[in-house]
Amino acid sequence: MSDLDYTGKTALVVGGSSGIGNGIARSFLDRGAEVHIWGTRATAADYEDEDGSDLSGLHYDQMDVSDFEAIEAYEPPFDSLDILVLSQGTVIYRRGEFEMAGWRKVMDINLNSLMACSQKFHPMLAKSKGSLVIISSTAGFHATKGNPAYNASKTGAVGLTRTLGQAWATDGIRVNGVAPGLVDTKLTKVTTDNPKRLAATEAQIPLQRLGLPEEIAGAVLFLTSPLSSYVVGQTIIVDGGLIL
């Protein structure tokens, strides 16, 4: 059997309804896993017109990850969990993160909810000796002038990955992370919808292009497979060489 065969495994991808999360969810599904996802819209059908999203074959639940009481009260439709991927995230442009309302919104979704979700599913992951993968960003390694909350939250996510990796290894849970660079999703439309800005951005990337969700998924597959059985607390940067 291949080390990347997930038959018999159950995965939950928070934020798996679109973008990077959807690419990760589909990668697990394609390799035999039962895959559950959380999104913000009422039903899976509400994502039918979402560019690049494919929810077919995935089990969908609506969740506002900034509602920590709702996370705690959630009754999962699965009896066991082998893999938890936390891919939720948001950003506010036009200096909205310099206002406290915007700051709190981004921090709650991008950082505080990581801990809420991790704590919620810790018992299941401990029982299965499973894996937790936190999706952060290369923003955790450099400044992002117009987005202080996004930066602080992603820097915090890298630190949380290290610390939970250390804290939960004795529980049999391997915690690791992936820090994507610029990936072609709805969160990067501010760049991809502007040809001049896109060209300037691509010129800064050694591979001369934006990444794809499935390329981030490749690193997640590695971190949740036996191939990474001795990797703990690490965040793999997947950015085409952007921050070299």
Protein backbone atom coordinates (compact mmCIF):
# COMPACT_ATOMS: atom_id res chain seq x y z
CA MET A 1 0.00 0.00 0.00
CA SER A 2 1.25 3.52 -0.81
CA ASP A 3 2.20 5.84 2.03
CA LEU A 4 -0.17 8.32 0.39
CA ASP A 5 -3.18 5.99 0.43
CA TYR A 6 -5.75 7.43 2.84
CA THR A 7 -8.33 4.67 2.52
CA GLY A 8 -10.03 4.17 5.89
CA LYS A 9 -8.92 7.56 7.18
CA THR A 10 -11.24 10.40 8.19
CA ALA A 11 -10.21 14.01 7.65
CA LEU A 12 -11.76 17.34 8.56
CA VAL A 13 -10.63 20.40 6.63
CA VAL A 14 -11.79 23.63 8.21
CA GLY A 15 -12.12 26.14 5.39
CA GLY A 16 -12.35 23.28 2.91
CA SER A 17 -15.13 24.90 0.91
CA SER A 18 -12.89 27.07 -1.26
CA GLY A 19 -9.35 28.05 -2.17
CA ILE A 20 -6.42 26.24 -0.60
CA GLY A 21 -8.67 24.32 1.79
CA ASN A 22 -10.75 22.93 -1.04
CA GLY A 23 -7.62 21.80 -2.87
CA ILE A 24 -6.47 20.01 0.29
CA ALA A 25 -9.86 18.39 0.86
CA ARG A 26 -10.01 17.07 -2.69
CA SER A 27 -6.48 15.69 -2.46
CA PHE A 28 -7.49 13.59 0.54
CA LEU A 29 -10.71 12.52 -1.18
CA ASP A 30 -8.84 11.49 -4.32
CA ARG A 31 -6.66 9.23 -2.16
CA GLY A 32 -9.49 7.37 -0.49
CA ALA A 33 -10.24 9.34 2.67
CA GLU A 34 -13.65 10.23 4.04
CA VAL A 35 -13.48 14.01 4.01
CA HIS A 36 -15.53 16.49 5.99
CA ILE A 37 -15.30 20.23 5.49
CA TRP A 38 -16.48 23.36 7.22
CA GLY A 39 -17.49 26.54 5.41
CA THR A 40 -19.36 29.73 6.19
CA ARG A 41 -22.34 29.38 3.85
CA ALA A 42 -25.60 27.64 4.74
CA THR A 43 -25.21 24.65 2.39
CA ALA A 44 -22.70 23.10 0.01
CA ALA A 45 -24.94 24.14 -2.88
CA ASP A 46 -24.19 27.78 -2.05
CA TYR A 47 -20.66 27.24 -3.36
CA GLU A 48 -21.70 26.00 -6.80
CA ASP A 49 -20.80 29.30 -8.46
CA GLU A 50 -17.61 29.77 -6.44
CA ASP A 51 -14.68 29.92 -8.83
CA GLY A 52 -12.47 26.86 -8.39
CA SER A 53 -14.53 25.19 -5.64
CA ASP A 54 -15.66 21.56 -5.99
CA LEU A 55 -17.60 20.16 -3.03
CA SER A 56 -18.73 16.93 -4.69
CA GLY A 57 -18.05 13.90 -2.53
CA LEU A 58 -17.26 16.04 0.52
CA HIS A 59 -19.37 16.13 3.70
CA TYR A 60 -20.27 19.73 4.45
CA ASP A 61 -21.16 21.58 7.65
CA GLN A 62 -21.63 25.29 8.18
CA MET A 63 -19.53 26.84 10.92
CA ASP A 64 -18.61 30.37 11.94
CA VAL A 65 -15.14 29.71 13.35
CA SER A 66 -15.20 33.02 15.21
CA ASP A 67 -18.05 31.58 17.32
CA PHE A 68 -15.99 29.56 19.77
CA GLU A 69 -19.03 28.37 21.71
CA ALA A 70 -20.46 26.91 18.49
CA ILE A 71 -17.21 25.03 17.89
CA GLU A 72 -17.30 23.63 21.40
CA ALA A 73 -20.96 22.58 21.02
CA TYR A 74 -20.44 20.95 17.61
CA GLU A 75 -21.45 17.30 17.42
CA PRO A 76 -19.34 15.70 14.69
CA PRO A 77 -20.99 13.28 12.24
CA PHE A 78 -17.91 11.04 12.44
CA ASP A 79 -16.89 8.69 15.24
CA SER A 80 -13.15 9.06 14.77
CA LEU A 81 -10.78 11.62 13.26
CA ASP A 82 -7.33 10.94 11.85
CA ILE A 83 -6.51 14.28 10.25
CA LEU A 84 -7.46 17.86 11.11
CA VAL A 85 -6.41 20.63 8.71
CA LEU A 86 -7.05 24.21 9.78
CA SER A 87 -7.21 26.28 6.60
CA GLN A 88 -9.57 29.06 7.66
CA GLY A 89 -8.54 32.61 7.01
CA THR A 90 -9.54 36.12 6.06
CA VAL A 91 -7.94 39.46 5.28
CA ILE A 92 -9.25 43.04 5.26
CA TYR A 93 -7.77 45.54 2.83
CA ARG A 94 -7.88 49.36 2.67
CA ARG A 95 -6.38 49.71 6.16
CA GLY A 96 -9.38 48.01 7.75
CA GLU A 97 -7.09 46.00 10.03
CA PHE A 98 -5.81 49.20 11.64
CA GLU A 99 -9.27 49.62 13.18
CA MET A 100 -9.98 47.50 16.25
CA ALA A 101 -13.12 45.94 14.77
CA GLY A 102 -11.16 44.73 11.75
CA TRP A 103 -8.22 43.67 13.90
CA ARG A 104 -10.42 41.55 16.16
CA LYS A 105 -12.27 39.94 13.26
CA VAL A 106 -9.07 38.84 11.54
CA MET A 107 -7.41 37.66 14.76
CA ASP A 108 -10.48 35.66 15.80
CA ILE A 109 -10.73 33.86 12.44
CA ASN A 110 -7.04 33.49 11.63
CA LEU A 111 -5.58 32.71 15.04
CA ASN A 112 -8.00 32.33 17.94
CA SER A 113 -10.15 29.84 16.04
CA LEU A 114 -7.07 27.66 15.47
CA MET A 115 -6.85 27.03 19.18
CA ALA A 116 -10.61 26.54 19.53
CA CYS A 117 -10.65 23.91 16.77
CA SER A 118 -7.48 22.23 18.00
CA GLN A 119 -8.84 21.91 21.52
CA LYS A 120 -12.20 20.66 20.26
CA PHE A 121 -10.70 17.75 18.34
CA HIS A 122 -7.71 17.00 20.57
CA PRO A 123 -9.39 13.96 22.20
CA MET A 124 -10.24 12.40 18.82
CA LEU A 125 -6.77 13.02 17.42
CA ALA A 126 -5.14 11.62 20.55
CA LYS A 127 -7.24 8.48 20.28
CA SER A 128 -6.32 7.92 16.63
CA LYS A 129 -2.69 9.09 17.03
CA GLY A 130 -3.54 11.52 14.26
CA SER A 131 -2.16 14.62 12.60
CA LEU A 132 -2.99 18.31 12.85
CA VAL A 133 -1.85 20.67 10.11
CA ILE A 134 -2.13 24.44 10.49
CA ILE A 135 -2.12 26.52 7.31
CA SER A 136 -0.40 29.84 7.98
CA SER A 137 1.32 32.05 5.38
CA THR A 138 4.71 33.36 4.35
CA ALA A 139 3.40 36.56 6.01
CA GLY A 140 4.49 34.87 9.22
CA PHE A 141 8.10 35.46 8.14
CA HIS A 142 8.09 39.04 6.83
CA ALA A 143 6.19 42.32 7.21
CA THR A 144 2.95 43.08 5.34
CA LYS A 145 2.66 46.85 5.52
CA GLY A 146 -1.09 47.23 5.04
CA ASN A 147 -2.30 44.22 7.01
CA PRO A 148 -1.13 44.15 10.64
CA ALA A 149 -3.77 41.70 11.87
CA TYR A 150 -3.20 39.28 9.01
CA ASN A 151 0.53 39.38 9.72
CA ALA A 152 0.21 39.02 13.47
CA SER A 153 -2.28 36.18 13.11
CA LYS A 154 -0.11 34.23 10.67
CA THR A 155 3.01 34.79 12.76
CA GLY A 156 1.01 33.53 15.72
CA ALA A 157 -0.08 30.48 13.74
CA VAL A 158 3.56 29.53 13.14
CA GLY A 159 4.28 29.87 16.86
CA LEU A 160 1.18 27.88 17.77
CA THR A 161 2.29 25.10 15.41
CA ARG A 162 5.65 24.85 17.20
CA THR A 163 4.13 24.91 20.65
CA LEU A 164 1.30 22.44 20.05
CA GLY A 165 3.79 20.21 18.27
CA GLN A 166 5.87 20.13 21.43
CA ALA A 167 2.92 19.93 23.82
CA TRP A 168 0.93 17.22 22.07
CA ALA A 169 3.64 14.90 20.75
CA THR A 170 3.39 12.84 23.94
CA ASP A 171 -0.33 12.43 23.21
CA GLY A 172 0.58 10.81 19.90
CA ILE A 173 -0.56 13.81 17.84
CA ARG A 174 1.84 15.19 15.27
CA VAL A 175 1.28 18.92 14.75
CA ASN A 176 2.88 20.64 11.76
CA GLY A 177 2.10 23.49 9.39
CA VAL A 178 2.33 24.80 5.86
CA ALA A 179 3.02 28.44 4.99
CA PRO A 180 1.78 29.15 1.45
CA GLY A 181 3.09 32.03 -0.58
CA LEU A 182 0.91 33.66 -3.20
CA VAL A 183 -1.69 31.14 -4.33
CA ASP A 184 -4.37 31.83 -6.93
CA THR A 185 -7.53 32.00 -4.76
CA LYS A 186 -10.25 34.52 -3.96
CA LEU A 187 -8.06 36.04 -1.20
CA THR A 188 -5.46 37.03 -3.81
CA LYS A 189 -7.94 38.58 -6.28
CA VAL A 190 -6.58 42.00 -5.33
CA THR A 191 -3.43 40.87 -7.15
CA THR A 192 -4.72 38.51 -9.82
CA ASP A 193 -7.41 40.90 -11.03
CA ASN A 194 -4.82 43.62 -11.66
CA PRO A 195 -2.59 42.64 -14.64
CA LYS A 196 0.14 45.16 -13.80
CA ARG A 197 0.25 44.11 -10.15
CA LEU A 198 0.17 40.43 -11.10
CA ALA A 199 3.10 40.81 -13.49
CA ALA A 200 5.12 42.68 -10.86
CA THR A 201 4.32 40.01 -8.28
CA GLU A 202 5.25 37.10 -10.53
CA ALA A 203 8.55 38.81 -11.34
CA GLN A 204 9.47 38.55 -7.64
CA ILE A 205 8.83 34.79 -7.50
CA PRO A 206 11.74 32.60 -8.67
CA LEU A 207 9.30 30.17 -10.31
CA GLN A 208 7.69 33.18 -12.05
CA ARG A 209 4.10 32.23 -11.21
CA LEU A 210 1.55 31.97 -8.42
CA GLY A 211 1.01 28.64 -6.73
CA LEU A 212 -2.01 26.37 -7.04
CA PRO A 213 -4.12 24.96 -4.18
CA GLU A 214 -3.10 21.40 -5.11
CA GLU A 215 0.55 22.36 -4.69
CA ILE A 216 -0.10 23.37 -1.09
CA ALA A 217 -2.03 20.11 -0.70
CA GLY A 218 1.10 18.17 -1.64
CA ALA A 219 2.90 19.42 1.45
CA VAL A 220 -0.14 18.64 3.61
CA LEU A 221 -0.28 15.09 2.26
CA PHE A 222 3.38 14.64 3.19
CA LEU A 223 2.85 16.00 6.71
CA THR A 224 -0.11 13.70 7.40
CA SER A 225 1.49 10.56 5.95
CA PRO A 226 3.97 8.02 7.34
CA LEU A 227 6.62 9.75 5.20
CA SER A 228 6.83 12.48 7.85
CA SER A 229 6.55 10.26 10.92
CA TYR A 230 9.47 12.02 12.67
CA VAL A 231 8.48 15.59 11.77
CA VAL A 232 6.95 17.61 14.61
CA GLY A 233 6.23 21.31 15.07
CA GLN A 234 7.57 22.37 11.68
CA THR A 235 6.08 24.80 9.18
CA ILE A 236 6.98 24.07 5.57
CA ILE A 237 7.17 27.14 3.35
CA VAL A 238 5.60 26.50 -0.07
CA ASP A 239 6.01 29.71 -2.04
CA GLY A 240 7.89 29.10 -5.29
CA GLY A 241 10.94 30.68 -3.65
CA LEU A 242 9.26 34.04 -2.96
CA ILE A 243 10.86 34.83 0.40
CA LEU A 244 14.33 33.49 -0.34
